[in-house]
Amino acid sequence: MKARNRPLWIFGLLILVLTAGAAHAVAGEVIYLPLVVSESTWTPTPGPSLTPTPTQTPTPTPHPHAVIEIVRVVNSNTQNPLDEYVEIRNRAGSTYNLTGWFIRDENNYRYDFPDGFRLYGYYTIRVWSRDGVDTSYNLFWNSPVEIWNDYNDCAYLRDDSQGGNDLVSHYCYSSRLWDFGFR
């Protein structure tokens, strides 16, 4: 007997016993019914194995705002005042497209990164104020005037690729004379 039919069989036996009990009360005779108990020989049939397949946990790519930073501004007091630059570092292994990003200073001089420019993982680049030909390590503002003030200034790296003008990093500096109160 299958296990799923067992409740129906027990219900039928109960009806029979109750009916016999009522008949016994009427006839005054004892009726003995055999009680048959059967052991189930049902065994589960093996089905398809549900062995989990290991998958590699994806490594999230960090947001560029968390890993790209201005590390310094070098304003030069050399013969060429345009021989100055902003140094930007990517601290992650991922490459980021800087289309729509720009650098500006306190006087609102603005440098827009070239369309399609990529900052590779762990690269440090320089954005020079002077003329030059762009490479993957050096970009040129091609400014006719000095950008970074001699005594103090701040550089702001901003992402406007999604129209949010988000501040990514900033770096402020001052000269020693400024620190000691001399102007």
Protein backbone atom coordinates (compact mmCIF):
# COMPACT_ATOMS: atom_id res chain seq x y z
CA MET A 1 0.00 0.00 0.00
CA LYS A 2 1.37 3.37 -0.93
CA ALA A 3 1.92 5.90 1.80
CA ARG A 4 -0.29 8.49 0.16
CA ASN A 5 -3.33 6.11 0.33
CA ARG A 6 -2.86 5.37 4.04
CA PRO A 7 -5.16 8.21 5.36
CA LEU A 8 -8.00 7.02 3.10
CA TRP A 9 -7.62 3.42 4.31
CA ILE A 10 -7.61 4.50 7.97
CA PHE A 11 -10.74 6.62 7.40
CA GLY A 12 -12.52 3.63 5.80
CA LEU A 13 -11.55 1.37 8.71
CA LEU A 14 -12.85 3.93 11.20
CA ILE A 15 -16.24 4.03 9.39
CA LEU A 16 -16.39 0.25 9.46
CA VAL A 17 -15.61 0.09 13.19
CA LEU A 18 -18.22 2.72 14.02
CA THR A 19 -20.80 0.97 11.88
CA ALA A 20 -19.97 -2.37 13.51
CA GLY A 21 -20.26 -0.78 16.94
CA ALA A 22 -23.74 0.46 16.08
CA ALA A 23 -24.72 -2.96 14.73
CA HIS A 24 -23.36 -4.62 17.89
CA ALA A 25 -25.52 -2.39 20.02
CA VAL A 26 -28.53 -3.45 18.01
CA ALA A 27 -27.78 -7.19 17.76
CA GLY A 28 -25.91 -7.60 21.03
CA GLU A 29 -23.20 -9.58 19.39
CA VAL A 30 -19.51 -8.91 19.33
CA ILE A 31 -17.94 -8.52 15.98
CA TYR A 32 -14.21 -8.90 15.64
CA LEU A 33 -12.55 -7.30 12.70
CA PRO A 34 -9.05 -8.19 11.71
CA LEU A 35 -6.57 -5.34 11.95
CA VAL A 36 -4.16 -5.47 9.10
CA VAL A 37 -1.04 -3.32 9.26
CA SER A 38 1.21 -3.30 6.31
CA GLU A 39 4.79 -2.04 6.32
CA SER A 40 5.54 0.28 3.48
CA THR A 41 8.13 -0.97 1.05
CA TRP A 42 8.16 2.30 -0.83
CA THR A 43 11.60 3.72 -1.45
CA PRO A 44 12.29 7.07 -3.03
CA THR A 45 13.36 7.01 -6.65
CA PRO A 46 16.59 8.90 -7.14
CA GLY A 47 16.04 12.03 -9.21
CA PRO A 48 18.41 14.47 -10.82
CA SER A 49 21.25 15.58 -8.61
CA LEU A 50 21.03 19.13 -7.32
CA THR A 51 24.73 19.59 -6.81
CA PRO A 52 25.43 23.34 -6.67
CA THR A 53 27.74 24.65 -9.34
CA PRO A 54 30.32 27.00 -7.88
CA THR A 55 30.29 30.43 -9.48
CA GLN A 56 32.83 33.17 -9.24
CA THR A 57 31.69 36.09 -7.11
CA PRO A 58 31.85 39.19 -9.28
CA THR A 59 34.31 41.82 -8.12
CA PRO A 60 32.55 45.16 -8.08
CA THR A 61 34.19 47.91 -10.10
CA PRO A 62 34.85 50.85 -7.82
CA HIS A 63 33.19 54.12 -8.73
CA PRO A 64 35.75 56.44 -10.34
CA HIS A 65 34.89 59.16 -7.84
CA ALA A 66 36.30 56.97 -5.09
CA VAL A 67 39.62 56.13 -6.73
CA ILE A 68 40.66 59.05 -8.94
CA GLU A 69 42.33 61.91 -7.12
CA ILE A 70 44.46 64.99 -7.58
CA VAL A 71 47.73 64.20 -5.81
CA ARG A 72 49.51 67.53 -6.32
CA VAL A 73 49.71 70.80 -8.14
CA VAL A 74 53.17 71.97 -9.19
CA ASN A 75 53.40 75.64 -10.00
CA SER A 76 56.77 76.48 -11.36
CA ASN A 77 58.84 79.49 -10.48
CA THR A 78 61.31 78.60 -13.23
CA GLN A 79 62.13 80.49 -16.42
CA ASN A 80 58.87 79.25 -17.97
CA PRO A 81 55.86 80.11 -15.77
CA LEU A 82 53.71 77.77 -17.91
CA ASP A 83 55.88 74.82 -16.86
CA GLU A 84 53.29 73.84 -14.24
CA TYR A 85 50.94 70.89 -13.95
CA VAL A 86 48.25 69.03 -12.01
CA GLU A 87 49.01 65.40 -11.22
CA ILE A 88 46.06 62.97 -11.16
CA ARG A 89 46.24 59.33 -10.05
CA ASN A 90 43.96 56.34 -10.60
CA ARG A 91 44.34 54.18 -7.46
CA ALA A 92 42.37 51.26 -8.93
CA GLY A 93 43.11 48.65 -11.56
CA SER A 94 40.10 49.63 -13.69
CA THR A 95 40.27 51.99 -16.65
CA TYR A 96 37.94 54.99 -16.66
CA ASN A 97 36.70 57.18 -19.49
CA LEU A 98 37.10 60.84 -18.51
CA THR A 99 34.89 62.25 -21.28
CA GLY A 100 32.88 65.07 -19.69
CA TRP A 101 35.39 65.59 -16.86
CA PHE A 102 37.27 68.83 -16.28
CA ILE A 103 39.73 70.61 -13.99
CA ARG A 104 39.27 74.16 -12.80
CA ASP A 105 41.01 76.53 -10.42
CA GLU A 106 39.78 79.26 -8.06
CA ASN A 107 39.73 81.79 -10.96
CA ASN A 108 37.51 79.45 -12.99
CA TYR A 109 40.15 78.62 -15.58
CA ARG A 110 38.88 75.36 -16.99
CA TYR A 111 40.49 72.40 -18.76
CA ASP A 112 38.17 69.81 -20.36
CA PHE A 113 39.52 66.31 -20.84
CA PRO A 114 39.55 65.23 -24.51
CA ASP A 115 36.59 63.12 -25.66
CA GLY A 116 37.42 59.44 -25.26
CA PHE A 117 40.42 60.02 -22.97
CA ARG A 118 40.96 56.97 -20.76
CA LEU A 119 42.77 56.94 -17.44
CA TYR A 120 44.23 53.45 -17.18
CA GLY A 121 44.46 51.44 -13.98
CA TYR A 122 47.16 52.63 -11.59
CA TYR A 123 48.24 55.40 -14.03
CA THR A 124 49.32 58.85 -12.92
CA ILE A 125 48.89 61.58 -15.49
CA ARG A 126 49.89 65.24 -15.66
CA VAL A 127 47.83 68.05 -17.10
CA TRP A 128 50.35 70.73 -18.10
CA SER A 129 49.43 74.40 -18.49
CA ARG A 130 51.79 74.85 -21.47
CA ASP A 131 51.54 73.81 -25.10
CA GLY A 132 52.23 70.24 -26.12
CA VAL A 133 50.91 67.11 -27.77
CA ASP A 134 48.63 64.89 -25.65
CA THR A 135 49.76 61.37 -24.73
CA SER A 136 48.34 58.77 -22.36
CA TYR A 137 50.51 60.20 -19.54
CA ASN A 138 50.62 63.92 -20.38
CA LEU A 139 47.81 66.25 -21.39
CA PHE A 140 48.31 69.88 -22.36
CA TRP A 141 46.06 72.81 -21.50
CA ASN A 142 47.71 74.93 -24.23
CA SER A 143 47.08 78.01 -22.09
CA PRO A 144 48.71 81.32 -23.07
CA VAL A 145 48.68 82.38 -19.40
CA GLU A 146 49.79 80.92 -16.09
CA ILE A 147 46.94 78.97 -14.44
CA TRP A 148 48.13 78.18 -10.92
CA ASN A 149 48.81 81.13 -8.63
CA ASP A 150 52.27 81.41 -7.09
CA TYR A 151 51.10 81.70 -3.48
CA ASN A 152 47.95 79.62 -3.16
CA ASP A 153 45.21 78.09 -5.23
CA CYS A 154 42.92 75.07 -5.36
CA ALA A 155 42.47 72.58 -8.18
CA TYR A 156 39.06 70.91 -8.58
CA LEU A 157 38.49 67.74 -10.57
CA ARG A 158 34.85 67.49 -11.60
CA ASP A 159 32.73 64.93 -13.49
CA ASP A 160 30.01 66.46 -15.65
CA SER A 161 29.56 63.38 -17.87
CA GLN A 162 26.03 62.81 -16.50
CA GLY A 163 25.23 66.52 -16.11
CA GLY A 164 25.75 66.47 -12.34
CA ASN A 165 28.98 68.52 -12.17
CA ASP A 166 30.13 66.16 -9.37
CA LEU A 167 33.23 67.03 -7.39
CA VAL A 168 35.61 64.07 -7.66
CA SER A 169 38.71 65.47 -5.95
CA HIS A 170 40.29 68.75 -4.95
CA TYR A 171 43.75 69.86 -3.92
CA CYS A 172 44.67 73.17 -2.31
CA TYR A 173 48.20 74.46 -1.82
CA SER A 174 50.01 77.48 -0.49
CA SER A 175 53.61 78.65 -0.61
CA ARG A 176 55.88 78.84 2.43
CA LEU A 177 55.81 82.63 2.39
CA TRP A 178 52.02 82.49 2.48
CA ASP A 179 52.13 79.98 5.38
CA PHE A 180 54.26 82.37 7.45
CA GLY A 181 52.04 85.39 6.74
CA PHE A 182 54.32 87.14 4.21
CA ARG A 183 52.66 88.43 1.07
